[in-house]
Amino acid sequence: MNQENNMGFRNRIFFIGLLTVITGCFTHCASSYKIQDSFDVNFKEVYSQSWVGGEKDSESGTNLYIHLKQLPNNIVLDSVYFKGQRKILEQVNPLLFLARFERRQNSKPDIIMSNEPYAEYGNKLPRIGTHIPFELKDDECVISYKDGRKREYFKITGIIKKAPIYYPVRPQQKH
């Protein structure tokens, strides 16, 4: 009987330890994405603009533009979370940042299925969607930036949606 009590005690200790580790992991993950209440950057304009390629099976997407009035020297903008994706911010000029969110066509790629071991070598792996750690509305994004050596996050709301750009179709070449 004493051995059964000892095993029950060990199981309880193991369960409590495991629960502590799991809780610690979730607490650490949640705290690492804390959105700041204030940001030392003044925004001039933040807007998104969709675009569509003019060719058959061409891509389409949305560009997110972030115009600043000023950017302090100690702050480095690096990426943005928008429309369920995370993208690196491109610095177009000292006060303009751009993120490109491409949408792929829904056409399925050709896949080679074979019982020969090397015939399927050229098949591409399927793209798996990424999970972003923020719940965002369509007119919201979160900027990831470094303030000195510390990573911070700031939410922008009320993003303006400008009219889409429809690129023209290339004219047919005559032979």
Protein backbone atom coordinates (compact mmCIF):
# COMPACT_ATOMS: atom_id res chain seq x y z
CA MET A 1 0.00 0.00 0.00
CA ASN A 2 2.87 2.33 0.81
CA GLN A 3 4.30 1.78 -2.68
CA GLU A 4 0.92 2.76 -4.28
CA ASN A 5 0.84 6.00 -2.29
CA ASN A 6 4.42 6.71 -3.33
CA MET A 7 3.53 6.20 -7.04
CA GLY A 8 0.45 8.45 -6.70
CA PHE A 9 2.58 11.13 -5.07
CA ARG A 10 5.18 10.90 -7.86
CA ASN A 11 2.46 11.15 -10.52
CA ARG A 12 1.03 14.26 -8.84
CA ILE A 13 4.48 15.87 -8.63
CA PHE A 14 5.13 15.03 -12.31
CA PHE A 15 1.74 16.44 -13.35
CA ILE A 16 2.26 19.66 -11.35
CA GLY A 17 5.77 20.08 -12.83
CA LEU A 18 4.48 19.50 -16.37
CA LEU A 19 1.62 21.95 -15.83
CA THR A 20 4.08 24.56 -14.54
CA VAL A 21 6.34 24.18 -17.58
CA ILE A 22 3.42 24.42 -20.03
CA THR A 23 1.98 27.46 -18.25
CA GLY A 24 5.40 29.11 -18.28
CA CYS A 25 5.73 28.53 -22.03
CA PHE A 26 2.35 30.10 -22.76
CA THR A 27 2.99 33.02 -20.44
CA HIS A 28 6.35 33.68 -22.10
CA CYS A 29 4.84 33.53 -25.61
CA ALA A 30 2.01 35.87 -24.73
CA SER A 31 4.29 38.40 -23.08
CA SER A 32 6.76 38.45 -25.97
CA TYR A 33 4.15 40.02 -28.26
CA LYS A 34 2.96 42.84 -25.99
CA ILE A 35 1.66 45.77 -28.03
CA GLN A 36 2.93 49.16 -26.85
CA ASP A 37 0.46 51.91 -25.94
CA SER A 38 2.61 54.70 -27.36
CA PHE A 39 5.16 55.04 -30.16
CA ASP A 40 7.76 57.78 -30.66
CA VAL A 41 7.05 57.94 -34.39
CA ASN A 42 4.64 60.38 -36.07
CA PHE A 43 2.72 58.96 -39.01
CA LYS A 44 1.89 61.11 -42.02
CA GLU A 45 -0.27 58.52 -43.80
CA VAL A 46 -0.83 54.76 -43.67
CA TYR A 47 -2.78 53.16 -46.50
CA SER A 48 -3.21 49.94 -48.43
CA GLN A 49 -3.70 49.58 -52.16
CA SER A 50 -4.60 46.39 -54.00
CA TRP A 51 -3.21 45.64 -57.46
CA VAL A 52 -4.02 43.12 -60.16
CA GLY A 53 -1.72 42.00 -62.96
CA GLY A 54 -3.08 42.29 -66.48
CA GLU A 55 -1.94 38.93 -67.83
CA LYS A 56 -3.79 35.63 -67.65
CA ASP A 57 -2.69 33.73 -64.52
CA SER A 58 -0.80 36.79 -63.28
CA GLU A 59 -0.51 37.52 -59.61
CA SER A 60 -2.29 40.11 -57.54
CA GLY A 61 -1.77 41.54 -54.11
CA THR A 62 -1.91 44.44 -51.72
CA ASN A 63 0.79 46.96 -50.90
CA LEU A 64 0.87 48.61 -47.49
CA TYR A 65 2.45 52.09 -47.43
CA ILE A 66 3.63 53.68 -44.20
CA HIS A 67 4.57 57.38 -44.56
CA LEU A 68 6.25 58.94 -41.55
CA LYS A 69 6.71 62.57 -40.53
CA GLN A 70 9.88 61.68 -38.64
CA LEU A 71 11.79 58.60 -37.46
CA PRO A 72 14.01 58.81 -34.37
CA ASN A 73 17.54 57.41 -34.77
CA ASN A 74 17.11 54.74 -32.09
CA ILE A 75 14.04 53.14 -33.78
CA VAL A 76 14.34 50.63 -36.65
CA LEU A 77 11.13 49.43 -38.33
CA ASP A 78 11.59 45.90 -39.64
CA SER A 79 8.33 44.06 -40.33
CA VAL A 80 4.55 44.36 -40.31
CA TYR A 81 1.62 42.03 -39.58
CA PHE A 82 -1.33 42.68 -41.91
CA LYS A 83 -4.10 40.62 -43.54
CA GLY A 84 -3.02 37.46 -41.71
CA GLN A 85 0.60 37.65 -42.91
CA ARG A 86 3.95 38.92 -41.72
CA LYS A 87 6.15 40.77 -44.22
CA ILE A 88 9.48 42.55 -44.08
CA LEU A 89 9.21 46.33 -44.48
CA GLU A 90 11.17 47.81 -47.38
CA GLN A 91 12.53 51.29 -46.77
CA VAL A 92 11.76 53.18 -50.00
CA ASN A 93 13.20 56.43 -48.66
CA PRO A 94 14.01 57.69 -45.13
CA LEU A 95 10.33 58.32 -44.32
CA LEU A 96 8.48 55.81 -46.54
CA PHE A 97 8.14 52.08 -45.83
CA LEU A 98 6.43 49.48 -48.03
CA ALA A 99 5.25 45.90 -47.47
CA ARG A 100 4.09 43.74 -50.38
CA PHE A 101 1.43 41.09 -49.77
CA GLU A 102 1.13 38.91 -52.88
CA ARG A 103 -1.80 36.62 -53.55
CA ARG A 104 -1.15 33.57 -55.64
CA GLN A 105 -3.59 32.37 -58.26
CA ASN A 106 -5.83 29.53 -57.21
CA SER A 107 -4.64 27.30 -60.05
CA LYS A 108 -3.16 24.06 -58.83
CA PRO A 109 0.42 23.32 -59.85
CA ASP A 110 1.26 20.28 -61.92
CA ILE A 111 2.27 17.44 -59.63
CA ILE A 112 4.02 14.35 -60.88
CA MET A 113 2.74 11.18 -59.23
CA SER A 114 4.78 8.08 -59.98
CA ASN A 115 5.96 4.82 -58.54
CA GLU A 116 9.46 5.65 -59.80
CA PRO A 117 11.57 7.09 -56.95
CA TYR A 118 13.13 9.98 -58.91
CA ALA A 119 10.14 10.97 -61.07
CA GLU A 120 8.61 13.12 -58.30
CA TYR A 121 11.84 15.02 -57.66
CA GLY A 122 10.64 18.29 -59.27
CA ASN A 123 7.42 18.56 -57.21
CA LYS A 124 7.27 21.64 -54.99
CA LEU A 125 6.23 21.46 -51.37
CA PRO A 126 2.79 22.88 -50.61
CA ARG A 127 2.71 26.34 -49.04
CA ILE A 128 1.47 26.24 -45.49
CA GLY A 129 -0.20 29.33 -44.09
CA THR A 130 1.50 31.03 -41.17
CA HIS A 131 -0.20 31.95 -37.94
CA ILE A 132 0.29 35.51 -36.76
CA PRO A 133 0.17 36.23 -33.02
CA PHE A 134 -2.31 39.14 -33.29
CA GLU A 135 -6.05 39.41 -33.89
CA LEU A 136 -6.39 42.20 -36.46
CA LYS A 137 -9.30 43.79 -38.30
CA ASP A 138 -9.06 44.61 -42.02
CA ASP A 139 -8.01 48.20 -41.27
CA GLU A 140 -5.34 47.31 -38.67
CA CYS A 141 -1.70 46.28 -38.74
CA VAL A 142 1.03 45.74 -36.17
CA ILE A 143 4.53 47.10 -36.77
CA SER A 144 7.47 45.19 -35.35
CA TYR A 145 10.40 47.47 -34.55
CA LYS A 146 13.56 47.67 -32.49
CA ASP A 147 14.03 50.42 -29.94
CA GLY A 148 17.73 50.10 -29.25
CA ARG A 149 18.19 46.36 -28.67
CA LYS A 150 14.62 45.67 -27.51
CA ARG A 151 11.92 44.33 -29.88
CA GLU A 152 8.58 46.15 -29.60
CA TYR A 153 5.17 46.05 -31.34
CA PHE A 154 2.74 48.86 -32.12
CA LYS A 155 -0.78 48.60 -33.57
CA ILE A 156 -1.99 51.03 -36.23
CA THR A 157 -5.75 51.32 -36.71
CA GLY A 158 -7.82 53.09 -39.35
CA ILE A 159 -5.69 52.16 -42.36
CA ILE A 160 -7.05 53.89 -45.45
CA LYS A 161 -7.97 51.61 -48.35
CA LYS A 162 -7.23 53.33 -51.67
CA ALA A 163 -8.68 52.39 -55.06
CA PRO A 164 -7.03 49.32 -56.62
CA ILE A 165 -4.58 49.50 -59.53
CA TYR A 166 -5.43 47.36 -62.57
CA TYR A 167 -2.37 46.90 -64.73
CA PRO A 168 -3.09 46.77 -68.46
CA VAL A 169 -2.84 43.68 -70.59
CA ARG A 170 0.18 43.55 -72.85
CA PRO A 171 -0.80 44.06 -76.49
CA GLN A 172 -0.65 41.01 -78.74
CA GLN A 173 2.45 40.99 -80.95
CA LYS A 174 1.78 40.71 -84.67
CA HIS A 175 3.94 38.37 -86.70
